[in-house]
C-alpha cells in the first residue's frame, strides 16, 4: 500500500457555528498541506455568504464547493445550501440525496463519504452545535484510522455537538476552535498507509450510497430494509416507517432514505406535537366562536333548548381551549429539558 499524508480535513458545525468556524479558519496556517471541507447547517433557500466570511477570517481562500471540483491543498470548500457535500475520487461531489436529521447539507454525510474515500488520511472536526450531528460520522472516521478533533465544549457557544461527539468517540484532541489550526499543522504532516476503497460496514456503505443518490429508483434505500428492523416509529419528513440502524436504537432511516438520530427525532417529534396542538387550539377557538354565534341565532329565533345545547358546546370548547393554551404557553419538554442526573446526554 502506498504511503500518503493526512490531507483531508472535514469540518461540521451547526448552531453557533459561524463564530466557531471563523475562529477555526483564523488559526489555519497559510501553507496547510490539506484540503478543508466545511458543512454548516443552512436553510435550503438562497445563497450562502459563508465562503466570503471565511475568506476574510483567515489566510486560506474559501469557495462554494462545485460538483466535480478537484480537492486542492490550502483551500476551503463550503457546502452550498440544500446540497450534501461529499468526497469522491479526490474531488467534491454535490448531491440532493435525502435529508439527515432534517438537514441538507448534513455533517454525517460528508464525514462518512470522506472516510470511505480516503480512510486514515481524513481528519474530522466537530464544532459548536445542537444535538448530535457529526457524532456517527466522526465514529466512522475513527474506525477507518482517521483522526477526531473536537472543539472544547467550554469554548463552544452551543456545546451539545462537541459533548455528544466526545461521548461516542475518544477524540484525539479537544481544544478551543482557534487552536485547532495549530494542531492540524502538525497532524497533516503525518504519513499514513493508504487504504482507499476499503469497504465500510454494510449499513454505512448503504448510507453512503443513499447520500450520493446512487442506484436505480429507490433500490439503494430499499437495501436498508434488508439489514434493519422496523422501529414502530414514523419518519417526520415523509411519515414512512423508520428502520433501526443499530442495536442501541440511536439511529434510524426510512425506506426513501431520510435519516435521524434518536435525539434529532425526539426534538422533531416535539416540534410536530407542538404544531399539532396549536392547530387543535385554533380549531377549538373556532368551534367556540361558531357555537357562540349559533347560540345567539337560536335565541333570536326562540329556540331555548337548541340555544342551551350550543351554549354548552361553546363553554366546553372554550374551557378546552383555555387548558390547551396554558399547556402550550408553559412549553413542551425537549431533549434539553432533561433534569440533572438523567440517563440521557445533553442534546
Protein backbone atom coordinates (compact mmCIF):
# COMPACT_ATOMS: atom_id res chain seq x y z
CA UNK A 1 0.00 0.00 0.00
CA UNK A 2 1.31 3.43 -0.93
CA UNK A 3 2.20 5.98 1.70
CA UNK A 4 0.32 9.26 1.88
CA UNK A 5 -0.35 12.01 4.40
CA UNK A 6 -3.38 13.18 6.30
CA UNK A 7 -4.58 15.75 3.82
CA UNK A 8 -8.39 15.75 4.01
CA UNK A 9 -9.96 17.82 6.81
CA UNK A 10 -13.75 17.64 7.15
CA UNK A 11 -15.49 20.07 9.48
CA UNK A 12 -19.06 20.13 10.80
CA UNK A 13 -20.86 22.91 12.67
CA UNK A 14 -24.42 23.95 13.44
CA UNK A 15 -25.79 26.44 16.00
CA UNK A 16 -23.07 28.92 16.92
CA UNK A 17 -21.09 27.54 14.01
CA UNK A 18 -20.28 30.77 12.20
CA UNK A 19 -18.36 32.10 15.19
CA UNK A 20 -16.62 28.75 15.70
CA UNK A 21 -15.70 28.48 12.02
CA UNK A 22 -14.30 32.00 11.95
CA UNK A 23 -12.07 31.17 14.93
CA UNK A 24 -11.10 27.83 13.38
CA UNK A 25 -10.24 29.35 9.98
CA UNK A 26 -8.34 32.20 11.65
CA UNK A 27 -5.99 29.65 13.20
CA UNK A 28 -5.20 27.74 9.98
CA UNK A 29 -1.68 28.23 8.60
CA UNK A 30 -1.33 29.70 5.11
CA UNK A 31 0.71 26.67 3.98
CA UNK A 32 -1.71 24.00 5.22
CA UNK A 33 -1.00 20.81 3.28
CA UNK A 34 -4.60 19.68 3.24
CA UNK A 35 -7.96 20.43 1.69
CA UNK A 36 -10.65 21.58 4.13
CA UNK A 37 -14.34 20.78 3.54
CA UNK A 38 -16.97 22.52 5.66
CA UNK A 39 -20.62 21.76 6.36
CA UNK A 40 -22.67 24.30 8.29
CA UNK A 41 -26.37 23.60 8.70
CA UNK A 42 -28.14 26.11 6.47
CA UNK A 43 -31.72 26.83 5.41
CA UNK A 44 -32.43 25.50 1.92
CA UNK A 45 -33.21 28.76 0.13
CA UNK A 46 -30.90 31.44 -1.20
CA UNK A 47 -27.13 31.74 -1.38
CA UNK A 48 -24.67 31.42 1.47
CA UNK A 49 -22.29 34.20 2.46
CA UNK A 50 -20.15 31.74 4.42
CA UNK A 51 -17.34 31.42 1.81
CA UNK A 52 -16.83 35.20 1.85
CA UNK A 53 -16.96 35.30 5.66
CA UNK A 54 -14.36 32.53 5.99
CA UNK A 55 -12.09 34.04 3.32
CA UNK A 56 -11.98 37.25 5.36
CA UNK A 57 -11.37 35.35 8.60
CA UNK A 58 -8.10 33.65 7.72
CA UNK A 59 -5.30 33.23 5.22
CA UNK A 60 -6.85 30.42 3.16
CA UNK A 61 -9.34 31.09 0.34
CA UNK A 62 -12.83 29.68 0.85
CA UNK A 63 -15.12 28.83 -2.05
CA UNK A 64 -18.57 27.36 -2.52
CA UNK A 65 -17.99 23.74 -3.46
CA UNK A 66 -18.81 22.68 -7.01
CA UNK A 67 -19.53 19.12 -8.05
CA UNK A 68 -16.52 17.50 -9.70
CA UNK A 69 -14.08 20.16 -8.49
CA UNK A 70 -10.72 18.53 -7.58
CA UNK A 71 -9.59 18.98 -3.98
CA UNK A 72 -6.56 21.23 -3.59
CA UNK A 73 -4.37 21.77 -0.55
CA UNK A 74 -4.72 25.14 1.13
CA UNK A 75 -8.32 25.70 0.07
CA UNK A 76 -11.61 25.60 1.98
CA UNK A 77 -14.67 24.11 0.26
CA UNK A 78 -18.03 25.11 1.73
CA UNK A 79 -21.22 23.11 1.22
CA UNK A 80 -23.87 25.18 -0.59
CA UNK A 81 -27.44 25.32 0.74
CA UNK A 82 -29.72 22.35 0.03
CA UNK A 83 -26.89 20.08 -1.17
CA UNK A 84 -24.91 17.39 0.60
CA UNK A 85 -21.16 17.94 0.20
CA UNK A 86 -19.42 14.60 -0.37
CA UNK A 87 -15.88 13.45 -1.18
CA UNK A 88 -15.40 11.13 -4.14
CA UNK A 89 -12.29 10.27 -6.18
CA UNK A 90 -10.31 13.19 -4.78
CA UNK A 91 -12.99 15.70 -5.71
CA UNK A 92 -16.10 17.38 -4.34
CA UNK A 93 -19.46 15.90 -5.17
CA UNK A 94 -22.76 17.66 -4.53
CA UNK A 95 -25.92 15.65 -4.01
CA UNK A 96 -29.57 16.31 -3.26
CA UNK A 97 -29.95 12.97 -1.52
CA UNK A 98 -32.37 12.51 1.40
CA UNK A 99 -32.00 14.82 4.41
CA UNK A 100 -30.27 13.61 7.56
CA UNK A 101 -31.69 14.89 10.85
CA UNK A 102 -33.77 17.24 8.73
CA UNK A 103 -30.70 18.86 7.12
CA UNK A 104 -29.16 19.04 3.68
CA UNK A 105 -26.19 19.57 3.80
CA UNK A 106 -25.61 17.04 6.59
CA UNK A 107 -22.42 16.66 8.58
CA UNK A 108 -22.55 12.87 8.85
CA UNK A 109 -22.93 12.54 5.07
CA UNK A 110 -19.68 14.47 4.50
CA UNK A 111 -17.77 12.61 7.21
CA UNK A 112 -18.98 9.20 6.01
CA UNK A 113 -18.04 9.86 2.38
CA UNK A 114 -14.57 11.14 3.29
CA UNK A 115 -13.91 8.10 5.47
CA UNK A 116 -14.98 5.79 2.65
CA UNK A 117 -12.87 7.59 0.03
CA UNK A 118 -9.69 8.34 1.99
CA UNK A 119 -9.66 6.26 5.19
CA UNK A 120 -6.81 7.20 7.58
CA UNK A 121 -5.95 10.32 5.55
CA UNK A 122 -9.06 12.04 6.97
CA UNK A 123 -9.23 14.33 9.98
CA UNK A 124 -12.74 15.04 11.28
CA UNK A 125 -13.52 18.21 13.23
CA UNK A 126 -16.74 18.80 15.20
CA UNK A 127 -17.53 22.37 16.25
CA UNK A 128 -20.36 24.17 18.05
CA UNK A 129 -23.92 22.92 17.51
CA UNK A 130 -27.05 21.41 18.98
CA UNK A 131 -27.96 17.73 19.26
CA UNK A 132 -25.56 15.07 17.93
CA UNK A 133 -24.96 15.67 14.22
CA UNK A 134 -21.48 14.54 13.23
CA UNK A 135 -21.05 12.02 16.05
CA UNK A 136 -21.78 8.95 13.91
CA UNK A 137 -19.66 10.27 11.05
CA UNK A 138 -16.75 11.02 13.38
CA UNK A 139 -17.02 7.45 14.68
CA UNK A 140 -16.75 6.20 11.09
CA UNK A 141 -13.64 8.32 10.50
CA UNK A 142 -12.01 6.93 13.63
CA UNK A 143 -12.93 3.35 12.75
CA UNK A 144 -11.01 3.69 9.46
CA UNK A 145 -7.86 5.07 11.06
CA UNK A 146 -8.59 8.79 10.76
CA UNK A 147 -8.27 11.41 13.49
CA UNK A 148 -11.01 13.09 15.52
CA UNK A 149 -10.74 16.67 16.77
CA UNK A 150 -13.49 18.23 18.88
CA UNK A 151 -13.91 21.85 19.91
CA UNK A 152 -13.64 22.21 23.67
CA UNK A 153 -17.27 22.34 24.86
CA UNK A 154 -16.39 25.22 27.19
CA UNK A 155 -15.26 27.18 24.12
CA UNK A 156 -18.43 26.41 22.11
CA UNK A 157 -21.49 28.66 22.14
CA UNK A 158 -23.60 25.50 21.83
CA UNK A 159 -21.61 22.65 23.43
CA UNK A 160 -24.02 19.78 22.65
CA UNK A 161 -22.43 18.63 19.38
CA UNK A 162 -18.90 18.52 20.85
CA UNK A 163 -20.18 16.82 24.01
CA UNK A 164 -22.10 14.18 22.07
CA UNK A 165 -19.12 13.55 19.80
CA UNK A 166 -16.92 13.02 22.85
CA UNK A 167 -19.49 10.64 24.32
CA UNK A 168 -19.43 8.50 21.17
CA UNK A 169 -15.72 8.50 20.26
CA UNK A 170 -12.42 9.08 22.00
CA UNK A 171 -11.19 12.25 20.29
CA UNK A 172 -7.51 12.68 19.57
CA UNK A 173 -7.68 16.36 20.52
CA UNK A 174 -10.14 18.54 22.44
CA UNK A 175 -9.12 22.19 22.06
CA UNK A 176 -10.64 25.65 21.55
CA UNK A 177 -11.58 26.39 17.95
CA UNK A 178 -8.79 28.94 17.46
CA UNK A 179 -6.16 26.32 18.43
CA UNK A 180 -7.34 23.62 16.03
CA UNK A 181 -5.33 25.12 13.17
CA UNK A 182 -2.10 24.64 15.08
CA UNK A 183 -3.00 21.03 15.81
CA UNK A 184 -3.77 20.43 12.14
CA UNK A 185 -0.48 21.98 11.05
CA UNK A 186 1.32 19.19 12.92
CA UNK A 187 -1.01 16.27 12.20
CA UNK A 188 -1.32 16.77 8.42
CA UNK A 189 2.40 16.08 8.09
CA UNK A 190 1.99 12.56 9.49
CA UNK A 191 2.31 9.75 6.94
CA UNK A 192 -0.36 7.06 6.86
CA UNK A 193 -0.81 3.86 4.92
CA UNK A 194 -3.37 4.50 2.18
CA UNK A 195 -6.42 2.23 2.34
CA UNK A 196 -8.56 3.94 -0.28
CA UNK A 197 -11.56 1.89 -1.33
CA UNK A 198 -11.62 -0.29 1.78
CA UNK A 199 -15.30 -1.03 2.35
CA UNK A 200 -17.29 0.39 5.22
CA UNK A 201 -19.56 -1.83 7.30
CA UNK A 202 -22.55 -2.79 5.16
CA UNK A 203 -25.07 -0.37 6.68
CA UNK A 204 -22.64 2.56 6.40
CA UNK A 205 -21.82 1.63 2.80
CA UNK A 206 -25.56 1.68 2.03
CA UNK A 207 -25.91 5.05 3.76
CA UNK A 208 -23.01 6.46 1.74
CA UNK A 209 -24.72 5.42 -1.49
CA UNK A 210 -28.03 6.89 -0.32
CA UNK A 211 -26.34 10.26 0.23
CA UNK A 212 -24.83 10.04 -3.26
CA UNK A 213 -28.28 9.15 -4.67
CA UNK A 214 -26.75 6.17 -6.48
CA UNK A 215 -28.75 3.28 -7.85
CA UNK A 216 -31.89 2.92 -9.95
CA UNK A 217 -35.07 4.28 -8.38
CA UNK A 218 -35.22 3.50 -4.68
CA UNK A 219 -33.23 0.24 -4.91
CA UNK A 220 -30.43 1.52 -2.68
CA UNK A 221 -32.78 2.81 0.00
CA UNK A 222 -34.65 -0.49 -0.03
CA UNK A 223 -31.41 -2.22 0.99
CA UNK A 224 -31.88 -0.60 4.39
CA UNK A 225 -34.96 -2.78 4.87
CA UNK A 226 -32.88 -5.93 4.35
CA UNK A 227 -30.35 -5.13 7.09
CA UNK A 228 -32.55 -3.46 9.72
CA UNK A 229 -35.74 -3.88 11.69
CA UNK A 230 -38.88 -1.73 11.74
CA UNK A 231 -38.82 0.60 14.75
CA UNK A 232 -42.54 1.28 15.09
CA UNK A 233 -41.75 4.99 14.63
CA UNK A 234 -42.71 7.27 11.75
CA UNK A 235 -40.37 9.49 9.74
CA UNK A 236 -41.20 13.17 10.37
CA UNK A 237 -40.31 14.03 6.75
CA UNK A 238 -42.47 11.52 4.87
CA UNK A 239 -44.46 9.65 7.57
CA UNK A 240 -42.97 6.34 6.40
CA UNK A 241 -41.77 3.62 8.77
CA UNK A 242 -38.35 4.20 10.29
CA UNK A 243 -35.92 1.28 10.50
CA UNK A 244 -33.30 0.94 13.22
CA UNK A 245 -29.69 1.05 12.04
CA UNK A 246 -28.05 -0.12 15.26
CA UNK A 247 -28.79 -2.37 18.20
CA UNK A 248 -28.98 0.56 20.60
CA UNK A 249 -31.79 2.24 18.63
CA UNK A 250 -29.88 5.52 18.31
CA UNK A 251 -30.06 5.86 14.50
CA UNK A 252 -32.89 5.41 12.01
CA UNK A 253 -33.69 5.60 8.29
CA UNK A 254 -36.95 5.32 6.37
CA UNK A 255 -37.40 3.40 3.12
CA UNK A 256 -36.84 6.50 0.97
CA UNK A 257 -33.64 7.41 2.82
CA UNK A 258 -34.39 10.13 5.39
CA UNK A 259 -32.03 9.64 8.34
CA UNK A 260 -32.47 10.52 12.01
CA UNK A 261 -30.60 10.10 15.24
CA UNK A 262 -32.73 9.37 18.28
CA UNK A 263 -32.10 12.83 19.72
CA UNK A 264 -32.91 14.66 16.50
CA UNK A 265 -36.03 12.52 16.09
CA UNK A 266 -37.16 13.31 19.63
CA UNK A 267 -36.65 17.01 19.01
CA UNK A 268 -38.57 16.90 15.73
CA UNK A 269 -41.41 14.95 17.33
CA UNK A 270 -41.67 17.66 19.98
CA UNK A 271 -41.96 20.27 17.22
CA UNK A 272 -44.57 18.21 15.39
CA UNK A 273 -46.60 17.74 18.57
CA UNK A 274 -46.49 21.46 19.30
CA UNK A 275 -47.60 22.24 15.75
CA UNK A 276 -50.49 19.80 16.07
CA UNK A 277 -51.51 21.30 19.42
CA UNK A 278 -51.52 24.83 18.01
CA UNK A 279 -53.74 23.56 15.20
CA UNK A 280 -56.02 21.96 17.80
CA UNK A 281 -56.16 25.24 19.74
CA UNK A 282 -57.15 27.09 16.60
CA UNK A 283 -59.89 24.52 15.90
CA UNK A 284 -61.19 24.74 19.48
CA UNK A 285 -61.36 28.54 19.40
CA UNK A 286 -63.12 28.47 16.05
CA UNK A 287 -65.60 25.91 17.42
CA UNK A 288 -66.17 28.09 20.50
CA UNK A 289 -66.85 31.17 18.35
CA UNK A 290 -69.11 29.29 15.94
CA UNK A 291 -71.05 27.73 18.82
CA UNK A 292 -71.48 31.21 20.28
CA UNK A 293 -72.94 32.53 17.02
CA UNK A 294 -75.27 29.55 16.77
CA UNK A 295 -76.39 30.11 20.37
CA UNK A 296 -77.27 33.70 19.56
CA UNK A 297 -79.08 32.66 16.40
CA UNK A 298 -81.15 30.04 18.27
CA UNK A 299 -82.06 32.54 20.99
CA UNK A 300 -83.10 35.08 18.38
CA UNK A 301 -85.33 32.51 16.70
CA UNK A 302 -86.92 31.48 20.02
CA UNK A 303 -85.40 28.01 20.40
CA UNK A 304 -84.13 27.97 24.01
CA UNK A 305 -83.33 24.21 24.08
CA UNK A 306 -81.21 24.46 20.93
CA UNK A 307 -79.57 27.60 22.28
CA UNK A 308 -78.75 25.77 25.52
CA UNK A 309 -77.14 22.88 23.64
CA UNK A 310 -74.94 25.18 21.57
CA UNK A 311 -74.12 27.18 24.69
CA UNK A 312 -72.78 24.03 26.36
CA UNK A 313 -70.67 23.31 23.26
CA UNK A 314 -69.36 26.88 23.41
CA UNK A 315 -68.42 26.57 27.09
CA UNK A 316 -66.79 23.15 26.64
CA UNK A 317 -64.71 24.29 23.67
CA UNK A 318 -63.75 27.48 25.49
CA UNK A 319 -62.64 25.55 28.57
CA UNK A 320 -60.62 23.08 26.48
CA UNK A 321 -59.00 25.99 24.59
CA UNK A 322 -58.04 27.67 27.86
CA UNK A 323 -56.46 24.49 29.21
CA UNK A 324 -54.60 23.80 25.96
CA UNK A 325 -53.37 27.38 25.64
CA UNK A 326 -52.00 27.25 29.20
CA UNK A 327 -50.21 23.99 28.38
CA UNK A 328 -48.71 25.43 25.21
CA UNK A 329 -47.51 28.59 26.94
CA UNK A 330 -45.79 26.51 29.60
CA UNK A 331 -43.92 24.74 26.81
CA UNK A 332 -43.31 21.17 25.76
CA UNK A 333 -40.34 19.21 27.09
CA UNK A 334 -37.36 18.85 24.74
CA UNK A 335 -34.12 16.90 24.93
CA UNK A 336 -32.52 19.96 26.54
CA UNK A 337 -35.07 19.93 29.36
CA UNK A 338 -33.81 16.72 30.97
CA UNK A 339 -33.08 17.16 34.68
CA UNK A 340 -29.56 16.94 36.05
CA UNK A 341 -28.56 13.34 36.53
CA UNK A 342 -30.85 11.98 33.82
CA UNK A 343 -29.54 8.98 31.94
CA UNK A 344 -29.53 10.74 28.57
CA UNK A 345 -26.81 13.12 27.48
CA UNK A 346 -27.41 16.81 26.91
CA UNK A 347 -28.72 17.20 23.36
